[in-house]
Structure formats: structure tokens, C-alpha cells
Amino acid sequence: MKTNAVFHVTKVIIDNSKKKNPTSVIKEENNTVGLKENSEEQRLKLRRIVFRAVDGKDYVFIRNNFMLEATEIGTF
């Protein structure tokens, strides 16, 4: 996701960002993103998952699959 992307959080599912030394899934959110197609604006529903690896590096995944568990997406 680009740093200047505009999205709106519609629902926060998991938020472990305030825990001390969190690992695995830090945050899971449902978002909407504006999309302009053929001069018509549409809203696209997406999931945003922030995953912290064992080495401390954060990864952000944007997916439209709402069926998989967040931990499954983070471990791919």
C-alpha cells in the first residue's frame, strides 16, 4: 500500500498494538478504499492486517479474502 493511500477504517477486529512486545497479528481492520473507474467512484472493501515477524519487522497485508484467518495470511 502506498503511504499516500486514502482508506477508511470501518471496523477494528484485533488491536494488539498497545501490548508490550507484541508478535504475530498486531492489528486487523476492515477498510474501504475509493476507486475511480470509468469516471464513477466506487468503494472497495478490503482487510488490512499488520503482522510482526519474530525478527521484529512489521508487514502490512491488504487482502479482499475475508474467509482466511489473519494468522494464516501473515504466515504466507
C-alpha atoms as a PDB file:
ATOM      1  CA  MET A   1       0.000   0.000   0.000  1.00  0.00           C
ATOM      2  CA  LYS A   2       1.324   3.421  -0.865  1.00  0.00           C
ATOM      3  CA  THR A   3       1.965   5.798   2.003  1.00  0.00           C
ATOM      4  CA  ASN A   4      -0.411   8.384   0.499  1.00  0.00           C
ATOM      5  CA  ALA A   5      -3.293   5.920   0.037  1.00  0.00           C
ATOM      6  CA  VAL A   6      -6.605   7.126   1.435  1.00  0.00           C
ATOM      7  CA  PHE A   7      -8.672   4.499   3.210  1.00  0.00           C
ATOM      8  CA  HIS A   8     -11.363   4.496   5.878  1.00  0.00           C
ATOM      9  CA  VAL A   9     -11.402   2.024   8.749  1.00  0.00           C
ATOM     10  CA  THR A  10     -14.892   0.569   9.038  1.00  0.00           C
ATOM     11  CA  LYS A  11     -14.204  -1.996  11.778  1.00  0.00           C
ATOM     12  CA  VAL A  12     -11.263  -2.876  14.035  1.00  0.00           C
ATOM     13  CA  ILE A  13     -11.216  -6.617  14.672  1.00  0.00           C
ATOM     14  CA  ILE A  14      -7.892  -7.053  16.528  1.00  0.00           C
ATOM     15  CA  ASP A  15      -5.708  -4.355  18.077  1.00  0.00           C
ATOM     16  CA  ASN A  16      -2.675  -5.622  19.992  1.00  0.00           C
ATOM     17  CA  SER A  17      -0.588  -2.531  19.243  1.00  0.00           C
ATOM     18  CA  LYS A  18      -0.661  -1.316  22.856  1.00  0.00           C
ATOM     19  CA  LYS A  19       0.654  -4.611  24.259  1.00  0.00           C
ATOM     20  CA  LYS A  20       4.285  -4.814  25.270  1.00  0.00           C
ATOM     21  CA  ASN A  21       6.389  -6.612  22.610  1.00  0.00           C
ATOM     22  CA  PRO A  22       3.506  -7.960  20.504  1.00  0.00           C
ATOM     23  CA  THR A  23       4.228 -10.647  17.917  1.00  0.00           C
ATOM     24  CA  SER A  24       2.118 -12.309  15.238  1.00  0.00           C
ATOM     25  CA  VAL A  25      -1.016 -10.302  14.320  1.00  0.00           C
ATOM     26  CA  ILE A  26      -0.788  -6.775  15.710  1.00  0.00           C
ATOM     27  CA  LYS A  27      -3.823  -5.275  14.010  1.00  0.00           C
ATOM     28  CA  GLU A  28      -6.661  -6.461  11.799  1.00  0.00           C
ATOM     29  CA  GLU A  29      -9.119  -4.000  10.266  1.00  0.00           C
ATOM     30  CA  ASN A  30     -11.845  -3.870   7.674  1.00  0.00           C
ATOM     31  CA  ASN A  31     -11.375  -0.878   5.369  1.00  0.00           C
ATOM     32  CA  THR A  32     -12.928   0.786   2.372  1.00  0.00           C
ATOM     33  CA  VAL A  33     -10.881   2.376  -0.386  1.00  0.00           C
ATOM     34  CA  GLY A  34     -12.160   4.770  -3.038  1.00  0.00           C
ATOM     35  CA  LEU A  35     -11.748   3.532  -6.604  1.00  0.00           C
ATOM     36  CA  LYS A  36     -12.463   5.552  -9.711  1.00  0.00           C
ATOM     37  CA  GLU A  37     -13.474   3.514 -12.737  1.00  0.00           C
ATOM     38  CA  ASN A  38     -14.967   4.952 -15.941  1.00  0.00           C
ATOM     39  CA  SER A  39     -15.439   8.315 -14.184  1.00  0.00           C
ATOM     40  CA  GLU A  40     -17.555   6.620 -11.488  1.00  0.00           C
ATOM     41  CA  GLU A  41     -16.346   6.368  -7.912  1.00  0.00           C
ATOM     42  CA  GLN A  42     -16.810   3.045  -6.156  1.00  0.00           C
ATOM     43  CA  ARG A  43     -15.896   1.769  -2.696  1.00  0.00           C
ATOM     44  CA  LEU A  44     -13.789  -1.370  -2.434  1.00  0.00           C
ATOM     45  CA  LYS A  45     -13.960  -3.436   0.790  1.00  0.00           C
ATOM     46  CA  LEU A  46     -10.587  -4.764   1.963  1.00  0.00           C
ATOM     47  CA  ARG A  47      -8.853  -6.241   5.006  1.00  0.00           C
ATOM     48  CA  ARG A  48      -5.678  -4.658   6.370  1.00  0.00           C
ATOM     49  CA  ILE A  49      -3.535  -6.905   8.559  1.00  0.00           C
ATOM     50  CA  VAL A  50      -0.366  -5.768  10.337  1.00  0.00           C
ATOM     51  CA  PHE A  51       1.843  -8.741  11.202  1.00  0.00           C
ATOM     52  CA  ARG A  52       5.056  -8.612  13.275  1.00  0.00           C
ATOM     53  CA  ALA A  53       7.595 -11.323  12.491  1.00  0.00           C
ATOM     54  CA  VAL A  54       9.892 -12.916  15.063  1.00  0.00           C
ATOM     55  CA  ASP A  55      12.756 -10.619  13.967  1.00  0.00           C
ATOM     56  CA  GLY A  56      10.628  -7.566  14.897  1.00  0.00           C
ATOM     57  CA  LYS A  57       9.870  -6.449  11.329  1.00  0.00           C
ATOM     58  CA  ASP A  58       6.294  -5.335  10.576  1.00  0.00           C
ATOM     59  CA  TYR A  59       4.492  -6.422   7.420  1.00  0.00           C
ATOM     60  CA  VAL A  60       1.205  -4.954   6.176  1.00  0.00           C
ATOM     61  CA  PHE A  61      -1.081  -7.164   4.097  1.00  0.00           C
ATOM     62  CA  ILE A  62      -4.059  -5.873   2.125  1.00  0.00           C
ATOM     63  CA  ARG A  63      -6.468  -8.610   1.091  1.00  0.00           C
ATOM     64  CA  ASN A  64     -10.011  -8.991  -0.175  1.00  0.00           C
ATOM     65  CA  ASN A  65     -10.299 -12.525   1.235  1.00  0.00           C
ATOM     66  CA  PHE A  66     -12.419 -12.335   4.388  1.00  0.00           C
ATOM     67  CA  MET A  67     -12.556 -16.135   4.882  1.00  0.00           C
ATOM     68  CA  LEU A  68      -8.908 -16.810   5.872  1.00  0.00           C
ATOM     69  CA  GLU A  69      -7.722 -16.249   9.431  1.00  0.00           C
ATOM     70  CA  ALA A  70      -5.373 -13.285   9.935  1.00  0.00           C
ATOM     71  CA  THR A  71      -2.630 -15.580  11.238  1.00  0.00           C
ATOM     72  CA  GLU A  72      -2.814 -17.644   8.035  1.00  0.00           C
ATOM     73  CA  ILE A  73      -2.352 -14.540   5.884  1.00  0.00           C
ATOM     74  CA  GLY A  74       0.583 -13.344   7.988  1.00  0.00           C
ATOM     75  CA  THR A  75       2.472 -16.624   7.761  1.00  0.00           C
ATOM     76  CA  PHE A  76       2.421 -16.927   3.932  1.00  0.00           C
END
